[in-house]
PDB file of N, CA and C in Angstrom:
ATOM      1  N   MET A   1      92.991  20.678  29.352  1.00  0.00           N
ATOM      2  CA  MET A   1      93.374  21.209  30.647  1.00  0.00           C
ATOM      3  C   MET A   1      94.218  22.475  30.442  1.00  0.00           C
ATOM      4  N   LYS A   2      93.940  23.506  31.209  1.00  0.00           N
ATOM      5  CA  LYS A   2      94.672  24.762  31.100  1.00  0.00           C
ATOM      6  C   LYS A   2      96.107  24.609  31.601  1.00  0.00           C
ATOM      7  N   THR A   3      96.970  25.480  31.123  1.00  0.00           N
ATOM      8  CA  THR A   3      98.374  25.461  31.519  1.00  0.00           C
ATOM      9  C   THR A   3      98.528  25.539  33.035  1.00  0.00           C
ATOM     10  N   ILE A   4      97.778  26.438  33.674  1.00  0.00           N
ATOM     11  CA  ILE A   4      97.866  26.599  35.138  1.00  0.00           C
ATOM     12  C   ILE A   4      97.490  25.291  35.831  1.00  0.00           C
ATOM     13  N   ASP A   5      96.463  24.621  35.336  1.00  0.00           N
ATOM     14  CA  ASP A   5      96.043  23.345  35.930  1.00  0.00           C
ATOM     15  C   ASP A   5      97.140  22.289  35.800  1.00  0.00           C
ATOM     16  N   LEU A   6      97.809  22.274  34.659  1.00  0.00           N
ATOM     17  CA  LEU A   6      98.896  21.318  34.445  1.00  0.00           C
ATOM     18  C   LEU A   6     100.075  21.614  35.368  1.00  0.00           C
ATOM     19  N   ILE A   7     100.423  22.893  35.498  1.00  0.00           N
ATOM     20  CA  ILE A   7     101.510  23.287  36.397  1.00  0.00           C
ATOM     21  C   ILE A   7     101.146  22.892  37.832  1.00  0.00           C
ATOM     22  N   THR A   8      99.902  23.155  38.220  1.00  0.00           N
ATOM     23  CA  THR A   8      99.435  22.841  39.572  1.00  0.00           C
ATOM     24  C   THR A   8      99.528  21.349  39.850  1.00  0.00           C
ATOM     25  N   GLU A   9      99.053  20.539  38.920  1.00  0.00           N
ATOM     26  CA  GLU A   9      99.055  19.083  39.106  1.00  0.00           C
ATOM     27  C   GLU A   9     100.485  18.548  39.201  1.00  0.00           C
ATOM     28  N   LYS A  10     101.347  19.003  38.311  1.00  0.00           N
ATOM     29  CA  LYS A  10     102.740  18.561  38.304  1.00  0.00           C
ATOM     30  C   LYS A  10     103.442  18.988  39.602  1.00  0.00           C
ATOM     31  N   THR A  11     103.176  20.222  40.039  1.00  0.00           N
ATOM     32  CA  THR A  11     103.778  20.742  41.273  1.00  0.00           C
ATOM     33  C   THR A  11     103.312  19.934  42.475  1.00  0.00           C
ATOM     34  N   LYS A  12     102.013  19.630  42.521  1.00  0.00           N
ATOM     35  CA  LYS A  12     101.478  18.808  43.627  1.00  0.00           C
ATOM     36  C   LYS A  12     102.178  17.460  43.681  1.00  0.00           C
ATOM     37  N   ASN A  13     102.352  16.829  42.528  1.00  0.00           N
ATOM     38  CA  ASN A  13     103.009  15.523  42.480  1.00  0.00           C
ATOM     39  C   ASN A  13     104.442  15.600  42.994  1.00  0.00           C
ATOM     40  N   ILE A  14     105.159  16.657  42.639  1.00  0.00           N
ATOM     41  CA  ILE A  14     106.539  16.832  43.095  1.00  0.00           C
ATOM     42  C   ILE A  14     106.562  17.027  44.612  1.00  0.00           C
ATOM     43  N   VAL A  15     105.667  17.877  45.127  1.00  0.00           N
ATOM     44  CA  VAL A  15     105.604  18.127  46.576  1.00  0.00           C
ATOM     45  C   VAL A  15     105.261  16.839  47.319  1.00  0.00           C
ATOM     46  N   LEU A  16     104.305  16.071  46.809  1.00  0.00           N
ATOM     47  CA  LEU A  16     103.918  14.816  47.457  1.00  0.00           C
ATOM     48  C   LEU A  16     105.070  13.812  47.456  1.00  0.00           C
ATOM     49  N   ASN A  17     105.894  13.858  46.433  1.00  0.00           N
ATOM     50  CA  ASN A  17     107.065  12.993  46.350  1.00  0.00           C
ATOM     51  C   ASN A  17     108.100  13.378  47.409  1.00  0.00           C
ATOM     52  N   ILE A  18     108.251  14.680  47.644  1.00  0.00           N
ATOM     53  CA  ILE A  18     109.231  15.173  48.616  1.00  0.00           C
ATOM     54  C   ILE A  18     108.718  15.035  50.052  1.00  0.00           C
ATOM     55  N   LEU A  19     107.408  15.180  50.239  1.00  0.00           N
ATOM     56  CA  LEU A  19     106.786  15.063  51.567  1.00  0.00           C
ATOM     57  C   LEU A  19     105.870  13.838  51.583  1.00  0.00           C
ATOM     58  N   PRO A  20     106.454  12.639  51.694  1.00  0.00           N
ATOM     59  CA  PRO A  20     105.674  11.404  51.552  1.00  0.00           C
ATOM     60  C   PRO A  20     104.630  11.165  52.646  1.00  0.00           C
ATOM     61  N   ASN A  21     104.708  11.894  53.756  1.00  0.00           N
ATOM     62  CA  ASN A  21     103.737  11.684  54.837  1.00  0.00           C
ATOM     63  C   ASN A  21     102.458  12.492  54.653  1.00  0.00           C
ATOM     64  N   ILE A  22     102.347  13.216  53.539  1.00  0.00           N
ATOM     65  CA  ILE A  22     101.177  14.039  53.267  1.00  0.00           C
ATOM     66  C   ILE A  22     100.271  13.310  52.282  1.00  0.00           C
ATOM     67  N   ASN A  23      98.984  13.279  52.586  1.00  0.00           N
ATOM     68  CA  ASN A  23      98.002  12.701  51.652  1.00  0.00           C
ATOM     69  C   ASN A  23      97.606  13.733  50.625  1.00  0.00           C
ATOM     70  N   ARG A  24      97.349  13.286  49.404  1.00  0.00           N
ATOM     71  CA  ARG A  24      96.912  14.177  48.333  1.00  0.00           C
ATOM     72  C   ARG A  24      95.692  14.999  48.773  1.00  0.00           C
ATOM     73  N   GLU A  25      94.792  14.366  49.528  1.00  0.00           N
ATOM     74  CA  GLU A  25      93.560  15.035  49.965  1.00  0.00           C
ATOM     75  C   GLU A  25      93.863  16.172  50.938  1.00  0.00           C
ATOM     76  N   ASP A  26      94.958  16.049  51.686  1.00  0.00           N
ATOM     77  CA  ASP A  26      95.326  17.066  52.679  1.00  0.00           C
ATOM     78  C   ASP A  26      96.082  18.240  52.058  1.00  0.00           C
ATOM     79  N   LEU A  27      96.527  18.074  50.824  1.00  0.00           N
ATOM     80  CA  LEU A  27      97.340  19.099  50.166  1.00  0.00           C
ATOM     81  C   LEU A  27      96.469  19.958  49.264  1.00  0.00           C
ATOM     82  N   THR A  28      96.089  21.121  49.757  1.00  0.00           N
ATOM     83  CA  THR A  28      95.324  22.056  48.930  1.00  0.00           C
ATOM     84  C   THR A  28      96.302  23.060  48.320  1.00  0.00           C
ATOM     85  N   GLU A  29      95.812  23.853  47.387  1.00  0.00           N
ATOM     86  CA  GLU A  29      96.676  24.829  46.733  1.00  0.00           C
ATOM     87  C   GLU A  29      97.151  25.904  47.701  1.00  0.00           C
ATOM     88  N   SER A  30      96.393  26.113  48.789  1.00  0.00           N
ATOM     89  CA  SER A  30      96.774  27.155  49.751  1.00  0.00           C
ATOM     90  C   SER A  30      97.399  26.599  51.033  1.00  0.00           C
ATOM     91  N   SER A  31      97.571  25.275  51.121  1.00  0.00           N
ATOM     92  CA  SER A  31      98.209  24.677  52.309  1.00  0.00           C
ATOM     93  C   SER A  31      99.600  25.257  52.500  1.00  0.00           C
ATOM     94  N   ASN A  32      99.956  25.560  53.758  1.00  0.00           N
ATOM     95  CA  ASN A  32     101.298  26.038  54.062  1.00  0.00           C
ATOM     96  C   ASN A  32     102.243  24.836  54.069  1.00  0.00           C
ATOM     97  N   LEU A  33     103.122  24.782  53.079  1.00  0.00           N
ATOM     98  CA  LEU A  33     104.017  23.630  52.928  1.00  0.00           C
ATOM     99  C   LEU A  33     104.983  23.498  54.091  1.00  0.00           C
ATOM    100  N   PHE A  34     105.361  24.610  54.687  1.00  0.00           N
ATOM    101  CA  PHE A  34     106.295  24.553  55.816  1.00  0.00           C
ATOM    102  C   PHE A  34     105.613  23.937  57.044  1.00  0.00           C
ATOM    103  N   SER A  35     104.325  24.206  57.217  1.00  0.00           N
ATOM    104  CA  SER A  35     103.619  23.591  58.350  1.00  0.00           C
ATOM    105  C   SER A  35     103.317  22.111  58.076  1.00  0.00           C
ATOM    106  N   LEU A  36     103.409  21.703  56.802  1.00  0.00           N
ATOM    107  CA  LEU A  36     103.210  20.289  56.449  1.00  0.00           C
ATOM    108  C   LEU A  36     104.519  19.497  56.508  1.00  0.00           C
ATOM    109  N   GLY A  37     105.626  20.179  56.825  1.00  0.00           N
ATOM    110  CA  GLY A  37     106.883  19.461  56.989  1.00  0.00           C
ATOM    111  C   GLY A  37     108.015  19.872  56.063  1.00  0.00           C
ATOM    112  N   LEU A  38     107.771  20.824  55.173  1.00  0.00           N
ATOM    113  CA  LEU A  38     108.853  21.288  54.295  1.00  0.00           C
ATOM    114  C   LEU A  38     109.882  22.030  55.147  1.00  0.00           C
ATOM    115  N   ASP A  39     111.143  21.645  55.011  1.00  0.00           N
ATOM    116  CA  ASP A  39     112.206  22.341  55.731  1.00  0.00           C
ATOM    117  C   ASP A  39     113.250  22.810  54.721  1.00  0.00           C
ATOM    118  N   SER A  40     114.318  23.410  55.204  1.00  0.00           N
ATOM    119  CA  SER A  40     115.300  23.992  54.291  1.00  0.00           C
ATOM    120  C   SER A  40     115.948  22.955  53.381  1.00  0.00           C
ATOM    121  N   VAL A  41     116.163  21.758  53.888  1.00  0.00           N
ATOM    122  CA  VAL A  41     116.807  20.716  53.081  1.00  0.00           C
ATOM    123  C   VAL A  41     115.881  20.238  51.968  1.00  0.00           C
ATOM    124  N   ASN A  42     114.650  19.847  52.334  1.00  0.00           N
ATOM    125  CA  ASN A  42     113.768  19.367  51.258  1.00  0.00           C
ATOM    126  C   ASN A  42     113.218  20.515  50.417  1.00  0.00           C
ATOM    127  N   ALA A  43     113.308  21.752  50.902  1.00  0.00           N
ATOM    128  CA  ALA A  43     112.930  22.903  50.074  1.00  0.00           C
ATOM    129  C   ALA A  43     113.911  23.049  48.909  1.00  0.00           C
ATOM    130  N   MET A  44     115.200  22.802  49.171  1.00  0.00           N
ATOM    131  CA  MET A  44     116.185  22.875  48.088  1.00  0.00           C
ATOM    132  C   MET A  44     115.970  21.737  47.090  1.00  0.00           C
ATOM    133  N   THR A  45     115.596  20.566  47.594  1.00  0.00           N
ATOM    134  CA  THR A  45     115.253  19.454  46.701  1.00  0.00           C
ATOM    135  C   THR A  45     114.057  19.853  45.830  1.00  0.00           C
ATOM    136  N   LEU A  46     113.074  20.490  46.449  1.00  0.00           N
ATOM    137  CA  LEU A  46     111.885  20.959  45.719  1.00  0.00           C
ATOM    138  C   LEU A  46     112.287  21.941  44.626  1.00  0.00           C
ATOM    139  N   VAL A  47     113.130  22.895  44.951  1.00  0.00           N
ATOM    140  CA  VAL A  47     113.595  23.886  43.971  1.00  0.00           C
ATOM    141  C   VAL A  47     114.263  23.183  42.786  1.00  0.00           C
ATOM    142  N   LEU A  48     115.151  22.252  43.061  1.00  0.00           N
ATOM    143  CA  LEU A  48     115.874  21.544  41.998  1.00  0.00           C
ATOM    144  C   LEU A  48     114.930  20.716  41.133  1.00  0.00           C
ATOM    145  N   LYS A  49     113.992  20.013  41.774  1.00  0.00           N
ATOM    146  CA  LYS A  49     113.042  19.189  41.015  1.00  0.00           C
ATOM    147  C   LYS A  49     112.114  20.051  40.157  1.00  0.00           C
ATOM    148  N   LEU A  50     111.682  21.187  40.682  1.00  0.00           N
ATOM    149  CA  LEU A  50     110.820  22.092  39.909  1.00  0.00           C
ATOM    150  C   LEU A  50     111.572  22.638  38.704  1.00  0.00           C
ATOM    151  N   GLN A  51     112.814  23.055  38.918  1.00  0.00           N
ATOM    152  CA  GLN A  51     113.616  23.573  37.803  1.00  0.00           C
ATOM    153  C   GLN A  51     113.791  22.506  36.726  1.00  0.00           C
ATOM    154  N   SER A  52     114.081  21.294  37.148  1.00  0.00           N
ATOM    155  CA  SER A  52     114.296  20.193  36.225  1.00  0.00           C
ATOM    156  C   SER A  52     113.016  19.837  35.466  1.00  0.00           C
ATOM    157  N   ASN A  53     111.903  19.706  36.193  1.00  0.00           N
ATOM    158  CA  ASN A  53     110.645  19.284  35.578  1.00  0.00           C
ATOM    159  C   ASN A  53     110.025  20.332  34.666  1.00  0.00           C
ATOM    160  N   PHE A  54     110.239  21.606  34.981  1.00  0.00           N
ATOM    161  CA  PHE A  54     109.616  22.668  34.186  1.00  0.00           C
ATOM    162  C   PHE A  54     110.592  23.359  33.238  1.00  0.00           C
ATOM    163  N   GLY A  55     111.857  22.940  33.255  1.00  0.00           N
ATOM    164  CA  GLY A  55     112.839  23.525  32.351  1.00  0.00           C
ATOM    165  C   GLY A  55     113.054  25.013  32.593  1.00  0.00           C
ATOM    166  N   ILE A  56     113.067  25.406  33.856  1.00  0.00           N
ATOM    167  CA  ILE A  56     113.245  26.812  34.216  1.00  0.00           C
ATOM    168  C   ILE A  56     114.410  26.938  35.188  1.00  0.00           C
ATOM    169  N   ARG A  57     114.828  28.165  35.440  1.00  0.00           N
ATOM    170  CA  ARG A  57     115.846  28.455  36.456  1.00  0.00           C
ATOM    171  C   ARG A  57     115.295  29.564  37.339  1.00  0.00           C
ATOM    172  N   PHE A  58     115.333  29.332  38.636  1.00  0.00           N
ATOM    173  CA  PHE A  58     114.930  30.366  39.578  1.00  0.00           C
ATOM    174  C   PHE A  58     116.137  31.256  39.862  1.00  0.00           C
ATOM    175  N   ALA A  59     115.920  32.557  39.914  1.00  0.00           N
ATOM    176  CA  ALA A  59     116.970  33.492  40.329  1.00  0.00           C
ATOM    177  C   ALA A  59     117.145  33.353  41.838  1.00  0.00           C
ATOM    178  N   VAL A  60     118.293  33.756  42.335  1.00  0.00           N
ATOM    179  CA  VAL A  60     118.571  33.649  43.768  1.00  0.00           C
ATOM    180  C   VAL A  60     117.473  34.354  44.572  1.00  0.00           C
ATOM    181  N   ASN A  61     117.035  35.530  44.111  1.00  0.00           N
ATOM    182  CA  ASN A  61     116.012  36.259  44.868  1.00  0.00           C
ATOM    183  C   ASN A  61     114.608  35.665  44.732  1.00  0.00           C
ATOM    184  N   ASP A  62     114.417  34.687  43.835  1.00  0.00           N
ATOM    185  CA  ASP A  62     113.135  33.964  43.735  1.00  0.00           C
ATOM    186  C   ASP A  62     113.010  32.938  44.849  1.00  0.00           C
ATOM    187  N   ILE A  63     114.141  32.470  45.338  1.00  0.00           N
ATOM    188  CA  ILE A  63     114.152  31.367  46.300  1.00  0.00           C
ATOM    189  C   ILE A  63     114.038  31.923  47.719  1.00  0.00           C
ATOM    190  N   ASN A  64     112.776  32.069  48.144  1.00  0.00           N
ATOM    191  CA  ASN A  64     112.503  32.558  49.496  1.00  0.00           C
ATOM    192  C   ASN A  64     111.266  31.854  50.042  1.00  0.00           C
ATOM    193  N   ALA A  65     111.075  31.959  51.339  1.00  0.00           N
ATOM    194  CA  ALA A  65     109.975  31.241  52.001  1.00  0.00           C
ATOM    195  C   ALA A  65     108.616  31.640  51.452  1.00  0.00           C
ATOM    196  N   GLU A  66     108.447  32.900  51.110  1.00  0.00           N
ATOM    197  CA  GLU A  66     107.146  33.361  50.614  1.00  0.00           C
ATOM    198  C   GLU A  66     106.771  32.678  49.292  1.00  0.00           C
ATOM    199  N   ASN A  67     107.714  32.616  48.351  1.00  0.00           N
ATOM    200  CA  ASN A  67     107.436  32.019  47.042  1.00  0.00           C
ATOM    201  C   ASN A  67     107.180  30.518  47.109  1.00  0.00           C
ATOM    202  N   PHE A  68     107.676  29.863  48.162  1.00  0.00           N
ATOM    203  CA  PHE A  68     107.541  28.408  48.263  1.00  0.00           C
ATOM    204  C   PHE A  68     106.650  27.988  49.429  1.00  0.00           C
ATOM    205  N   GLN A  69     105.825  28.910  49.898  1.00  0.00           N
ATOM    206  CA  GLN A  69     104.952  28.650  51.044  1.00  0.00           C
ATOM    207  C   GLN A  69     103.782  27.741  50.696  1.00  0.00           C
ATOM    208  N   SER A  70     103.304  27.817  49.454  1.00  0.00           N
ATOM    209  CA  SER A  70     102.136  27.024  49.060  1.00  0.00           C
ATOM    210  C   SER A  70     102.242  26.644  47.586  1.00  0.00           C
ATOM    211  N   ILE A  71     101.438  25.665  47.206  1.00  0.00           N
ATOM    212  CA  ILE A  71     101.354  25.259  45.793  1.00  0.00           C
ATOM    213  C   ILE A  71     100.977  26.482  44.947  1.00  0.00           C
ATOM    214  N   GLU A  72     100.008  27.237  45.443  1.00  0.00           N
ATOM    215  CA  GLU A  72      99.510  28.425  44.742  1.00  0.00           C
ATOM    216  C   GLU A  72     100.638  29.410  44.418  1.00  0.00           C
ATOM    217  N   MET A  73     101.504  29.682  45.405  1.00  0.00           N
ATOM    218  CA  MET A  73     102.610  30.618  45.201  1.00  0.00           C
ATOM    219  C   MET A  73     103.647  30.044  44.234  1.00  0.00           C
ATOM    220  N   ILE A  74     103.918  28.754  44.359  1.00  0.00           N
ATOM    221  CA  ILE A  74     104.880  28.100  43.462  1.00  0.00           C
ATOM    222  C   ILE A  74     104.379  28.157  42.025  1.00  0.00           C
ATOM    223  N   VAL A  75     103.099  27.868  41.833  1.00  0.00           N
ATOM    224  CA  VAL A  75     102.498  27.871  40.491  1.00  0.00           C
ATOM    225  C   VAL A  75     102.595  29.267  39.874  1.00  0.00           C
ATOM    226  N   GLN A  76     102.330  30.291  40.664  1.00  0.00           N
ATOM    227  CA  GLN A  76     102.450  31.677  40.157  1.00  0.00           C
ATOM    228  C   GLN A  76     103.873  31.964  39.706  1.00  0.00           C
ATOM    229  N   LEU A  77     104.837  31.523  40.511  1.00  0.00           N
ATOM    230  CA  LEU A  77     106.250  31.754  40.185  1.00  0.00           C
ATOM    231  C   LEU A  77     106.646  31.009  38.911  1.00  0.00           C
ATOM    232  N   ILE A  78     106.258  29.743  38.807  1.00  0.00           N
ATOM    233  CA  ILE A  78     106.590  28.942  37.618  1.00  0.00           C
ATOM    234  C   ILE A  78     105.936  29.543  36.375  1.00  0.00           C
ATOM    235  N   ASN A  79     104.676  29.931  36.497  1.00  0.00           N
ATOM    236  CA  ASN A  79     103.955  30.519  35.379  1.00  0.00           C
ATOM    237  C   ASN A  79     104.654  31.800  34.901  1.00  0.00           C
ATOM    238  N   ALA A  80     105.116  32.604  35.839  1.00  0.00           N
ATOM    239  CA  ALA A  80     105.833  33.831  35.490  1.00  0.00           C
ATOM    240  C   ALA A  80     107.164  33.513  34.795  1.00  0.00           C
ATOM    241  N   LYS A  81     107.854  32.483  35.283  1.00  0.00           N
ATOM    242  CA  LYS A  81     109.141  32.099  34.693  1.00  0.00           C
ATOM    243  C   LYS A  81     108.961  31.533  33.280  1.00  0.00           C
ATOM    244  N   GLN A  82     107.856  30.830  33.063  1.00  0.00           N
ATOM    245  CA  GLN A  82     107.612  30.243  31.735  1.00  0.00           C
ATOM    246  C   GLN A  82     107.068  31.293  30.776  1.00  0.00           C
ATOM    247  N   GLY A  83     106.471  32.350  31.368  1.00  0.00           N
ATOM    248  CA  GLY A  83     105.833  33.479  30.701  1.00  0.00           C
ATOM    249  C   GLY A  83     106.175  33.636  29.267  1.00  0.00           C
TER     250      GLY A  83
END
């Protein structure tokens, strides 16, 4: 499995853990996480869990709605941080 696929799968699992009312089938890589129920409180939980699981640190300017809007955007950010 490619690195991007592994990051994607791990990220999906973390998001599904934070948003328990979402089915795996309903969560695509381009789904808008905010329209699925992500809010500012669980977004910070998501940031912390991603940092912990991937061994990375997001800069303050990385933490914005655009970067965390979808699995696809999160994966790009994580991949760049692991670069």
